Amino acid sequence: SGHTRDYEDSVKGRFTISRDSAKNTVYLQMDNLKPEDTAVYYCNAAH
C-alpha cells in the first residue's frame, strides 16, 4: 500500500507493477516481451 515494489529477476527493467486506490485496481505493464513470458497471469491479494 506504500507503493514499495519488488520483481522477479527475469522481468526487472521490463515490467512495472502499479496500483490505483481510487479504482481498487492493480496493473502490470509489460514491455519488451519475450517468448519465455508466455503464461497464464494471476492477480493475488494478500492481507
All heavy atoms as atom14 arrays in JSON, in Angstrom:
{
  "sequence": "SGHTRDYEDSVKGRFTISRDSAKNTVYLQMDNLKPEDTAVYYCNAAH",
  "atom14_mask": [
    [1, 1, 1, 1, 1, 1, 0, 0, 0, 0, 0, 0, 0, 0],
    [1, 1, 1, 1, 0, 0, 0, 0, 0, 0, 0, 0, 0, 0],
    [1, 1, 1, 1, 1, 1, 1, 1, 1, 1, 0, 0, 0, 0],
    [1, 1, 1, 1, 1, 1, 1, 0, 0, 0, 0, 0, 0, 0],
    [1, 1, 1, 1, 1, 1, 1, 1, 1, 1, 1, 0, 0, 0],
    [1, 1, 1, 1, 1, 1, 1, 1, 0, 0, 0, 0, 0, 0],
    [1, 1, 1, 1, 1, 1, 1, 1, 1, 1, 1, 1, 0, 0],
    [1, 1, 1, 1, 1, 1, 1, 1, 1, 0, 0, 0, 0, 0],
    [1, 1, 1, 1, 1, 1, 1, 1, 0, 0, 0, 0, 0, 0],
    [1, 1, 1, 1, 1, 1, 0, 0, 0, 0, 0, 0, 0, 0],
    [1, 1, 1, 1, 1, 1, 1, 0, 0, 0, 0, 0, 0, 0],
    [1, 1, 1, 1, 1, 1, 1, 1, 1, 0, 0, 0, 0, 0],
    [1, 1, 1, 1, 0, 0, 0, 0, 0, 0, 0, 0, 0, 0],
    [1, 1, 1, 1, 1, 1, 1, 1, 1, 1, 1, 0, 0, 0],
    [1, 1, 1, 1, 1, 1, 1, 1, 1, 1, 1, 0, 0, 0],
    [1, 1, 1, 1, 1, 1, 1, 0, 0, 0, 0, 0, 0, 0],
    [1, 1, 1, 1, 1, 1, 1, 1, 0, 0, 0, 0, 0, 0],
    [1, 1, 1, 1, 1, 1, 0, 0, 0, 0, 0, 0, 0, 0],
    [1, 1, 1, 1, 1, 1, 1, 1, 1, 1, 1, 0, 0, 0],
    [1, 1, 1, 1, 1, 1, 1, 1, 0, 0, 0, 0, 0, 0],
    [1, 1, 1, 1, 1, 1, 0, 0, 0, 0, 0, 0, 0, 0],
    [1, 1, 1, 1, 1, 0, 0, 0, 0, 0, 0, 0, 0, 0],
    [1, 1, 1, 1, 1, 1, 1, 1, 1, 0, 0, 0, 0, 0],
    [1, 1, 1, 1, 1, 1, 1, 1, 0, 0, 0, 0, 0, 0],
    [1, 1, 1, 1, 1, 1, 1, 0, 0, 0, 0, 0, 0, 0],
    [1, 1, 1, 1, 1, 1, 1, 0, 0, 0, 0, 0, 0, 0],
    [1, 1, 1, 1, 1, 1, 1, 1, 1, 1, 1, 1, 0, 0],
    [1, 1, 1, 1, 1, 1, 1, 1, 0, 0, 0, 0, 0, 0],
    [1, 1, 1, 1, 1, 1, 1, 1, 1, 0, 0, 0, 0, 0],
    [1, 1, 1, 1, 1, 1, 1, 1, 0, 0, 0, 0, 0, 0],
    [1, 1, 1, 1, 1, 1, 1, 1, 0, 0, 0, 0, 0, 0],
    [1, 1, 1, 1, 1, 1, 1, 1, 0, 0, 0, 0, 0, 0],
    [1, 1, 1, 1, 1, 1, 1, 1, 0, 0, 0, 0, 0, 0],
    [1, 1, 1, 1, 1, 1, 1, 1, 1, 0, 0, 0, 0, 0],
    [1, 1, 1, 1, 1, 1, 1, 0, 0, 0, 0, 0, 0, 0],
    [1, 1, 1, 1, 1, 1, 1, 1, 1, 0, 0, 0, 0, 0],
    [1, 1, 1, 1, 1, 1, 1, 1, 0, 0, 0, 0, 0, 0],
    [1, 1, 1, 1, 1, 1, 1, 0, 0, 0, 0, 0, 0, 0],
    [1, 1, 1, 1, 1, 0, 0, 0, 0, 0, 0, 0, 0, 0],
    [1, 1, 1, 1, 1, 1, 1, 0, 0, 0, 0, 0, 0, 0],
    [1, 1, 1, 1, 1, 1, 1, 1, 1, 1, 1, 1, 0, 0],
    [1, 1, 1, 1, 1, 1, 1, 1, 1, 1, 1, 1, 0, 0],
    [1, 1, 1, 1, 1, 1, 0, 0, 0, 0, 0, 0, 0, 0],
    [1, 1, 1, 1, 1, 1, 1, 1, 0, 0, 0, 0, 0, 0],
    [1, 1, 1, 1, 1, 0, 0, 0, 0, 0, 0, 0, 0, 0],
    [1, 1, 1, 1, 1, 0, 0, 0, 0, 0, 0, 0, 0, 0],
    [1, 1, 1, 1, 1, 1, 1, 1, 1, 1, 0, 0, 0, 0]
  ],
  "atom14_positions": [
    [[0.81, -1.21, 0.0], [0.0, 0.0, 0.0], [0.84, 1.27, 0.0], [0.34, 2.33, -0.36], [-0.96, 0.01, 1.2], [-0.25, -0.03, 2.42], [0.0, 0.0, 0.0], [0.0, 0.0, 0.0], [0.0, 0.0, 0.0], [0.0, 0.0, 0.0], [0.0, 0.0, 0.0], [0.0, 0.0, 0.0], [0.0, 0.0, 0.0], [0.0, 0.0, 0.0]],
    [[2.11, 1.16, 0.41], [3.03, 2.28, 0.34], [3.76, 2.37, -0.98], [4.69, 3.16, -1.1], [0.0, 0.0, 0.0], [0.0, 0.0, 0.0], [0.0, 0.0, 0.0], [0.0, 0.0, 0.0], [0.0, 0.0, 0.0], [0.0, 0.0, 0.0], [0.0, 0.0, 0.0], [0.0, 0.0, 0.0], [0.0, 0.0, 0.0], [0.0, 0.0, 0.0]],
    [[3.38, 1.55, -1.93], [3.92, 1.53, -3.3], [5.37, 1.04, -3.36], [6.08, 1.33, -4.33], [3.78, 2.89, -3.97], [2.37, 3.3, -4.19], [1.59, 3.86, -3.19], [1.56, 3.22, -5.28], [0.39, 4.11, -3.65], [0.34, 3.73, -4.91], [0.0, 0.0, 0.0], [0.0, 0.0, 0.0], [0.0, 0.0, 0.0], [0.0, 0.0, 0.0]],
    [[5.8, 0.29, -2.34], [7.07, -0.41, -2.43], [6.9, -1.62, -3.34], [5.96, -2.39, -3.19], [7.55, -0.86, -1.05], [7.7, 0.29, -0.21], [8.87, -1.59, -1.14], [0.0, 0.0, 0.0], [0.0, 0.0, 0.0], [0.0, 0.0, 0.0], [0.0, 0.0, 0.0], [0.0, 0.0, 0.0], [0.0, 0.0, 0.0], [0.0, 0.0, 0.0]],
    [[7.83, -1.8, -4.27], [7.72, -2.82, -5.3], [8.89, -3.79, -5.24], [10.0, -3.43, -4.85], [7.7, -2.18, -6.68], [6.62, -1.14, -6.9], [6.92, -0.32, -8.13], [5.86, 0.63, -8.43], [5.94, 1.54, -9.4], [7.03, 1.61, -10.17], [4.93, 2.37, -9.61], [0.0, 0.0, 0.0], [0.0, 0.0, 0.0], [0.0, 0.0, 0.0]],
    [[8.63, -5.02, -5.65], [9.71, -5.95, -5.92], [9.34, -6.81, -7.12], [8.17, -7.0, -7.42], [10.1, -6.8, -4.7], [8.99, -7.7, -4.2], [8.68, -8.7, -4.89], [8.45, -7.43, -3.11], [0.0, 0.0, 0.0], [0.0, 0.0, 0.0], [0.0, 0.0, 0.0], [0.0, 0.0, 0.0], [0.0, 0.0, 0.0], [0.0, 0.0, 0.0]],
    [[10.39, -7.34, -7.8], [10.21, -8.05, -9.06], [11.06, -9.31, -9.1], [12.14, -9.37, -8.49], [10.62, -7.17, -10.24], [9.82, -5.91, -10.41], [10.24, -4.71, -9.83], [8.65, -5.91, -11.15], [9.5, -3.56, -9.99], [7.91, -4.75, -11.31], [8.34, -3.58, -10.73], [7.61, -2.43, -10.9], [0.0, 0.0, 0.0], [0.0, 0.0, 0.0]],
    [[10.58, -10.28, -9.84], [11.39, -11.43, -10.18], [12.51, -10.96, -11.11], [12.29, -10.09, -11.96], [10.53, -12.5, -10.83], [11.15, -13.89, -10.89], [12.04, -14.07, -12.09], [11.75, -13.49, -13.16], [13.05, -14.79, -11.96], [0.0, 0.0, 0.0], [0.0, 0.0, 0.0], [0.0, 0.0, 0.0], [0.0, 0.0, 0.0], [0.0, 0.0, 0.0]],
    [[13.7, -11.54, -10.96], [14.87, -11.02, -11.67], [14.69, -10.96, -13.18], [15.16, -10.01, -13.83], [16.1, -11.86, -11.34], [16.64, -11.61, -9.95], [16.28, -10.59, -9.34], [17.44, -12.44, -9.48], [0.0, 0.0, 0.0], [0.0, 0.0, 0.0], [0.0, 0.0, 0.0], [0.0, 0.0, 0.0], [0.0, 0.0, 0.0], [0.0, 0.0, 0.0]],
    [[14.03, -11.94, -13.76], [13.93, -12.01, -15.22], [13.07, -10.91, -15.83], [13.14, -10.69, -17.04], [13.41, -13.38, -15.65], [12.05, -13.55, -15.28], [0.0, 0.0, 0.0], [0.0, 0.0, 0.0], [0.0, 0.0, 0.0], [0.0, 0.0, 0.0], [0.0, 0.0, 0.0], [0.0, 0.0, 0.0], [0.0, 0.0, 0.0], [0.0, 0.0, 0.0]],
    [[12.27, -10.23, -15.02], [11.4, -9.17, -15.55], [11.84, -7.78, -15.14], [11.23, -6.79, -15.59], [9.93, -9.39, -15.14], [9.48, -10.81, -15.49], [9.7, -9.08, -13.67], [0.0, 0.0, 0.0], [0.0, 0.0, 0.0], [0.0, 0.0, 0.0], [0.0, 0.0, 0.0], [0.0, 0.0, 0.0], [0.0, 0.0, 0.0], [0.0, 0.0, 0.0]],
    [[12.88, -7.66, -14.33], [13.35, -6.35, -13.9], [13.76, -5.5, -15.1], [14.46, -5.97, -15.98], [14.52, -6.49, -12.94], [14.14, -6.99, -11.56], [15.36, -7.09, -10.65], [14.97, -7.56, -9.26], [16.16, -7.73, -8.38], [0.0, 0.0, 0.0], [0.0, 0.0, 0.0], [0.0, 0.0, 0.0], [0.0, 0.0, 0.0], [0.0, 0.0, 0.0]],
    [[13.29, -4.27, -15.11], [13.58, -3.37, -16.21], [12.62, -3.48, -17.37], [12.64, -2.63, -18.26], [0.0, 0.0, 0.0], [0.0, 0.0, 0.0], [0.0, 0.0, 0.0], [0.0, 0.0, 0.0], [0.0, 0.0, 0.0], [0.0, 0.0, 0.0], [0.0, 0.0, 0.0], [0.0, 0.0, 0.0], [0.0, 0.0, 0.0], [0.0, 0.0, 0.0]],
    [[11.79, -4.51, -17.37], [10.82, -4.71, -18.45], [9.38, -4.57, -17.98], [8.53, -4.08, -18.73], [11.0, -6.09, -19.08], [12.37, -6.31, -19.71], [12.41, -7.59, -20.53], [12.16, -8.77, -19.71], [11.16, -9.62, -19.9], [10.3, -9.42, -20.89], [11.01, -10.67, -19.11], [0.0, 0.0, 0.0], [0.0, 0.0, 0.0], [0.0, 0.0, 0.0]],
    [[9.09, -5.01, -16.75], [7.74, -4.97, -16.2], [7.64, -3.92, -15.11], [8.61, -3.69, -14.36], [7.35, -6.32, -15.6], [7.16, -7.45, -16.58], [7.51, -7.32, -17.92], [6.62, -8.64, -16.14], [7.34, -8.37, -18.81], [6.42, -9.69, -17.02], [6.79, -9.57, -18.35], [0.0, 0.0, 0.0], [0.0, 0.0, 0.0], [0.0, 0.0, 0.0]],
    [[6.46, -3.31, -14.98], [6.2, -2.35, -13.92], [4.85, -2.64, -13.29], [3.83, -2.68, -13.99], [6.22, -0.91, -14.45], [7.47, -0.63, -15.09], [6.02, 0.08, -13.3], [0.0, 0.0, 0.0], [0.0, 0.0, 0.0], [0.0, 0.0, 0.0], [0.0, 0.0, 0.0], [0.0, 0.0, 0.0], [0.0, 0.0, 0.0], [0.0, 0.0, 0.0]],
    [[4.83, -2.84, -11.97], [3.58, -3.03, -11.26], [3.17, -1.7, -10.62], [4.02, -0.93, -10.17], [3.7, -4.14, -10.19], [2.33, -4.48, -9.6], [4.7, -3.78, -9.11], [2.34, -5.73, -8.73], [0.0, 0.0, 0.0], [0.0, 0.0, 0.0], [0.0, 0.0, 0.0], [0.0, 0.0, 0.0], [0.0, 0.0, 0.0], [0.0, 0.0, 0.0]],
    [[1.87, -1.42, -10.61], [1.36, -0.2, -10.01], [-0.03, -0.47, -9.45], [-0.67, -1.48, -9.77], [1.33, 0.95, -11.01], [0.49, 0.64, -12.11], [0.0, 0.0, 0.0], [0.0, 0.0, 0.0], [0.0, 0.0, 0.0], [0.0, 0.0, 0.0], [0.0, 0.0, 0.0], [0.0, 0.0, 0.0], [0.0, 0.0, 0.0], [0.0, 0.0, 0.0]],
    [[-0.51, 0.44, -8.6], [-1.85, 0.29, -8.04], [-2.53, 1.64, -7.97], [-1.88, 2.68, -7.77], [-1.82, -0.38, -6.66], [-1.04, 0.36, -5.59], [-0.79, -0.54, -4.37], [-2.02, -0.83, -3.64], [-2.15, -1.85, -2.79], [-1.15, -2.7, -2.59], [-3.3, -2.02, -2.16], [0.0, 0.0, 0.0], [0.0, 0.0, 0.0], [0.0, 0.0, 0.0]],
    [[-3.85, 1.63, -8.13], [-4.66, 2.83, -8.13], [-5.74, 2.65, -7.07], [-6.68, 1.89, -7.27], [-5.28, 3.05, -9.52], [-6.03, 4.36, -9.64], [-6.45, 4.92, -8.61], [-6.21, 4.82, -10.78], [0.0, 0.0, 0.0], [0.0, 0.0, 0.0], [0.0, 0.0, 0.0], [0.0, 0.0, 0.0], [0.0, 0.0, 0.0], [0.0, 0.0, 0.0]],
    [[-5.61, 3.36, -5.96], [-6.54, 3.2, -4.85], [-7.94, 3.7, -5.18], [-8.93, 3.2, -4.64], [-6.01, 3.9, -3.6], [-5.85, 5.29, -3.82], [0.0, 0.0, 0.0], [0.0, 0.0, 0.0], [0.0, 0.0, 0.0], [0.0, 0.0, 0.0], [0.0, 0.0, 0.0], [0.0, 0.0, 0.0], [0.0, 0.0, 0.0], [0.0, 0.0, 0.0]],
    [[-8.04, 4.69, -6.07], [-9.34, 5.22, -6.45], [-10.16, 4.2, -7.23], [-11.4, 4.25, -7.23], [-9.18, 6.49, -7.26], [0.0, 0.0, 0.0], [0.0, 0.0, 0.0], [0.0, 0.0, 0.0], [0.0, 0.0, 0.0], [0.0, 0.0, 0.0], [0.0, 0.0, 0.0], [0.0, 0.0, 0.0], [0.0, 0.0, 0.0], [0.0, 0.0, 0.0]],
    [[-9.48, 3.29, -7.92], [-10.15, 2.28, -8.74], [-10.07, 0.87, -8.15], [-10.59, -0.06, -8.76], [-9.56, 2.28, -10.15], [-9.75, 3.58, -10.91], [-9.16, 3.48, -12.3], [-9.38, 4.76, -13.08], [-8.81, 4.68, -14.45], [0.0, 0.0, 0.0], [0.0, 0.0, 0.0], [0.0, 0.0, 0.0], [0.0, 0.0, 0.0], [0.0, 0.0, 0.0]],
    [[-9.4, 0.73, -7.01], [-9.18, -0.59, -6.4], [-8.58, -1.57, -7.41], [-8.97, -2.73, -7.49], [-10.47, -1.16, -5.82], [-10.97, -0.36, -4.62], [-10.21, 0.34, -3.96], [-12.26, -0.48, -4.34], [0.0, 0.0, 0.0], [0.0, 0.0, 0.0], [0.0, 0.0, 0.0], [0.0, 0.0, 0.0], [0.0, 0.0, 0.0], [0.0, 0.0, 0.0]],
    [[-7.62, -1.09, -8.16], [-7.08, -1.83, -9.29], [-5.56, -1.87, -9.25], [-4.91, -0.88, -8.89], [-7.53, -1.19, -10.62], [-8.96, -1.24, -10.69], [-6.95, -1.92, -11.82], [0.0, 0.0, 0.0], [0.0, 0.0, 0.0], [0.0, 0.0, 0.0], [0.0, 0.0, 0.0], [0.0, 0.0, 0.0], [0.0, 0.0, 0.0], [0.0, 0.0, 0.0]],
    [[-5.0, -3.02, -9.62], [-3.56, -3.17, -9.77], [-3.26, -3.47, -11.23], [-4.05, -4.14, -11.91], [-3.01, -4.27, -8.84], [-3.59, -5.64, -9.17], [-1.49, -4.3, -8.88], [0.0, 0.0, 0.0], [0.0, 0.0, 0.0], [0.0, 0.0, 0.0], [0.0, 0.0, 0.0], [0.0, 0.0, 0.0], [0.0, 0.0, 0.0], [0.0, 0.0, 0.0]],
    [[-2.13, -2.97, -11.72], [-1.75, -3.11, -13.11], [-0.38, -3.77, -13.22], [0.45, -3.69, -12.32], [-1.67, -1.75, -13.8], [-2.93, -0.94, -13.73], [-3.11, 0.02, -12.73], [-3.95, -1.12, -14.66], [-4.26, 0.76, -12.67], [-5.11, -0.37, -14.6], [-5.26, 0.57, -13.61], [-6.42, 1.32, -13.55], [0.0, 0.0, 0.0], [0.0, 0.0, 0.0]],
    [[-0.15, -4.39, -14.36], [1.18, -4.87, -14.71], [1.47, -4.44, -16.14], [0.89, -4.98, -17.08], [1.29, -6.39, -14.59], [2.69, -6.96, -14.8], [3.63, -6.53, -13.66], [2.66, -8.48, -14.91], [0.0, 0.0, 0.0], [0.0, 0.0, 0.0], [0.0, 0.0, 0.0], [0.0, 0.0, 0.0], [0.0, 0.0, 0.0], [0.0, 0.0, 0.0]],
    [[2.34, -3.45, -16.27], [2.8, -3.01, -17.58], [3.97, -3.89, -18.0], [4.98, -3.95, -17.29], [3.22, -1.54, -17.54], [3.78, -1.01, -18.86], [2.75, -0.94, -19.95], [1.62, -0.52, -19.71], [3.12, -1.37, -21.15], [0.0, 0.0, 0.0], [0.0, 0.0, 0.0], [0.0, 0.0, 0.0], [0.0, 0.0, 0.0], [0.0, 0.0, 0.0]],
    [[3.84, -4.55, -19.13], [4.85, -5.48, -19.61], [5.4, -4.97, -20.94], [4.66, -4.87, -21.93], [4.27, -6.88, -19.78], [3.64, -7.43, -18.51], [3.09, -9.15, -18.68], [1.76, -8.91, -19.88], [0.0, 0.0, 0.0], [0.0, 0.0, 0.0], [0.0, 0.0, 0.0], [0.0, 0.0, 0.0], [0.0, 0.0, 0.0], [0.0, 0.0, 0.0]],
    [[6.68, -4.66, -20.97], [7.36, -4.16, -22.16], [8.45, -5.14, -22.58], [8.94, -5.93, -21.77], [7.97, -2.79, -21.91], [6.95, -1.72, -21.58], [5.88, -1.69, -22.22], [7.22, -0.91, -20.67], [0.0, 0.0, 0.0], [0.0, 0.0, 0.0], [0.0, 0.0, 0.0], [0.0, 0.0, 0.0], [0.0, 0.0, 0.0], [0.0, 0.0, 0.0]],
    [[8.84, -5.05, -23.84], [9.9, -5.92, -24.39], [9.62, -7.38, -24.06], [10.48, -8.1, -23.55], [11.26, -5.49, -23.87], [12.41, -6.15, -24.6], [12.26, -6.57, -25.75], [13.56, -6.25, -23.94], [0.0, 0.0, 0.0], [0.0, 0.0, 0.0], [0.0, 0.0, 0.0], [0.0, 0.0, 0.0], [0.0, 0.0, 0.0], [0.0, 0.0, 0.0]],
    [[8.43, -7.82, -24.38], [8.02, -9.18, -24.05], [8.83, -10.21, -24.83], [9.21, -9.99, -25.98], [6.54, -9.36, -24.33], [5.63, -8.75, -23.26], [4.23, -8.53, -23.81], [5.59, -9.64, -22.03], [0.0, 0.0, 0.0], [0.0, 0.0, 0.0], [0.0, 0.0, 0.0], [0.0, 0.0, 0.0], [0.0, 0.0, 0.0], [0.0, 0.0, 0.0]],
    [[9.07, -11.34, -24.16], [9.84, -12.43, -24.72], [8.99, -13.7, -24.74], [8.06, -13.83, -23.95], [11.1, -12.68, -23.88], [12.01, -11.47, -23.76], [13.18, -11.74, -22.84], [14.09, -10.54, -22.73], [15.24, -10.8, -21.84], [0.0, 0.0, 0.0], [0.0, 0.0, 0.0], [0.0, 0.0, 0.0], [0.0, 0.0, 0.0], [0.0, 0.0, 0.0]],
    [[9.31, -14.66, -25.62], [8.54, -15.9, -25.64], [8.46, -16.6, -24.28], [7.43, -17.21, -23.97], [9.29, -16.75, -26.67], [9.88, -15.76, -27.6], [10.29, -14.6, -26.72], [0.0, 0.0, 0.0], [0.0, 0.0, 0.0], [0.0, 0.0, 0.0], [0.0, 0.0, 0.0], [0.0, 0.0, 0.0], [0.0, 0.0, 0.0], [0.0, 0.0, 0.0]],
    [[9.51, -16.51, -23.48], [9.51, -17.14, -22.18], [8.57, -16.47, -21.17], [8.37, -16.99, -20.07], [10.93, -17.22, -21.6], [11.68, -15.9, -21.61], [12.61, -15.76, -22.81], [12.2, -16.12, -23.94], [13.75, -15.3, -22.62], [0.0, 0.0, 0.0], [0.0, 0.0, 0.0], [0.0, 0.0, 0.0], [0.0, 0.0, 0.0], [0.0, 0.0, 0.0]],
    [[7.99, -15.33, -21.53], [6.98, -14.7, -20.7], [5.6, -15.32, -20.9], [4.66, -14.98, -20.18], [6.89, -13.2, -21.0], [8.15, -12.44, -20.64], [8.74, -12.72, -19.58], [8.56, -11.57, -21.43], [0.0, 0.0, 0.0], [0.0, 0.0, 0.0], [0.0, 0.0, 0.0], [0.0, 0.0, 0.0], [0.0, 0.0, 0.0], [0.0, 0.0, 0.0]],
    [[5.47, -16.2, -21.87], [4.19, -16.85, -22.14], [3.72, -17.64, -20.93], [4.44, -18.5, -20.42], [4.3, -17.77, -23.36], [4.58, -16.99, -24.52], [3.01, -18.53, -23.59], [0.0, 0.0, 0.0], [0.0, 0.0, 0.0], [0.0, 0.0, 0.0], [0.0, 0.0, 0.0], [0.0, 0.0, 0.0], [0.0, 0.0, 0.0], [0.0, 0.0, 0.0]],
    [[2.52, -17.34, -20.46], [1.98, -17.98, -19.26], [0.57, -17.47, -19.01], [0.13, -16.5, -19.63], [2.86, -17.67, -18.03], [0.0, 0.0, 0.0], [0.0, 0.0, 0.0], [0.0, 0.0, 0.0], [0.0, 0.0, 0.0], [0.0, 0.0, 0.0], [0.0, 0.0, 0.0], [0.0, 0.0, 0.0], [0.0, 0.0, 0.0], [0.0, 0.0, 0.0]],
    [[-0.11, -18.12, -18.08], [-1.32, -17.55, -17.51], [-0.91, -16.68, -16.34], [-0.18, -17.12, -15.46], [-2.31, -18.64, -17.05], [-3.54, -18.0, -16.42], [-2.72, -19.53, -18.22], [0.0, 0.0, 0.0], [0.0, 0.0, 0.0], [0.0, 0.0, 0.0], [0.0, 0.0, 0.0], [0.0, 0.0, 0.0], [0.0, 0.0, 0.0], [0.0, 0.0, 0.0]],
    [[-1.36, -15.44, -16.35], [-1.01, -14.48, -15.31], [-2.18, -14.32, -14.35], [-3.32, -14.1, -14.76], [-0.65, -13.13, -15.93], [0.73, -13.12, -16.55], [0.99, -13.83, -17.72], [1.78, -12.43, -15.94], [2.26, -13.85, -18.27], [3.05, -12.45, -16.49], [3.29, -13.15, -17.66], [4.56, -13.16, -18.21], [0.0, 0.0, 0.0], [0.0, 0.0, 0.0]],
    [[-1.87, -14.42, -13.05], [-2.87, -14.38, -12.0], [-2.65, -13.19, -11.07], [-1.52, -12.89, -10.69], [-2.82, -15.64, -11.14], [-3.13, -16.92, -11.88], [-2.12, -17.67, -12.47], [-4.43, -17.38, -11.98], [-2.39, -18.84, -13.14], [-4.72, -18.55, -12.64], [-3.7, -19.28, -13.22], [-3.98, -20.45, -13.89], [0.0, 0.0, 0.0], [0.0, 0.0, 0.0]],
    [[-3.73, -12.56, -10.68], [-3.72, -11.5, -9.69], [-3.9, -12.09, -8.3], [-4.71, -13.0, -8.11], [-4.84, -10.51, -10.01], [-4.95, -9.09, -8.91], [0.0, 0.0, 0.0], [0.0, 0.0, 0.0], [0.0, 0.0, 0.0], [0.0, 0.0, 0.0], [0.0, 0.0, 0.0], [0.0, 0.0, 0.0], [0.0, 0.0, 0.0], [0.0, 0.0, 0.0]],
    [[-3.17, -11.57, -7.32], [-3.23, -12.05, -5.95], [-3.36, -10.88, -4.99], [-2.71, -9.85, -5.16], [-1.96, -12.85, -5.62], [-1.84, -13.19, -4.16], [-1.2, -12.48, -3.39], [-2.45, -14.31, -3.77], [0.0, 0.0, 0.0], [0.0, 0.0, 0.0], [0.0, 0.0, 0.0], [0.0, 0.0, 0.0], [0.0, 0.0, 0.0], [0.0, 0.0, 0.0]],
    [[-4.2, -11.05, -3.98], [-4.33, -10.08, -2.89], [-4.06, -10.8, -1.58], [-4.74, -11.77, -1.26], [-5.72, -9.46, -2.89], [0.0, 0.0, 0.0], [0.0, 0.0, 0.0], [0.0, 0.0, 0.0], [0.0, 0.0, 0.0], [0.0, 0.0, 0.0], [0.0, 0.0, 0.0], [0.0, 0.0, 0.0], [0.0, 0.0, 0.0], [0.0, 0.0, 0.0]],
    [[-3.06, -10.34, -0.84], [-2.69, -10.93, 0.45], [-2.73, -9.86, 1.52], [-2.1, -8.82, 1.36], [-1.29, -11.55, 0.37], [0.0, 0.0, 0.0], [0.0, 0.0, 0.0], [0.0, 0.0, 0.0], [0.0, 0.0, 0.0], [0.0, 0.0, 0.0], [0.0, 0.0, 0.0], [0.0, 0.0, 0.0], [0.0, 0.0, 0.0], [0.0, 0.0, 0.0]],
    [[-3.44, -10.13, 2.61], [-3.57, -9.13, 3.65], [-2.21, -8.76, 4.22], [-1.36, -9.61, 4.45], [-4.49, -9.63, 4.77], [-5.05, -8.54, 5.62], [-4.32, -7.98, 6.66], [-6.23, -7.89, 5.58], [-5.04, -7.03, 7.23], [-6.2, -6.96, 6.59], [0.0, 0.0, 0.0], [0.0, 0.0, 0.0], [0.0, 0.0, 0.0], [0.0, 0.0, 0.0]]
  ]
}
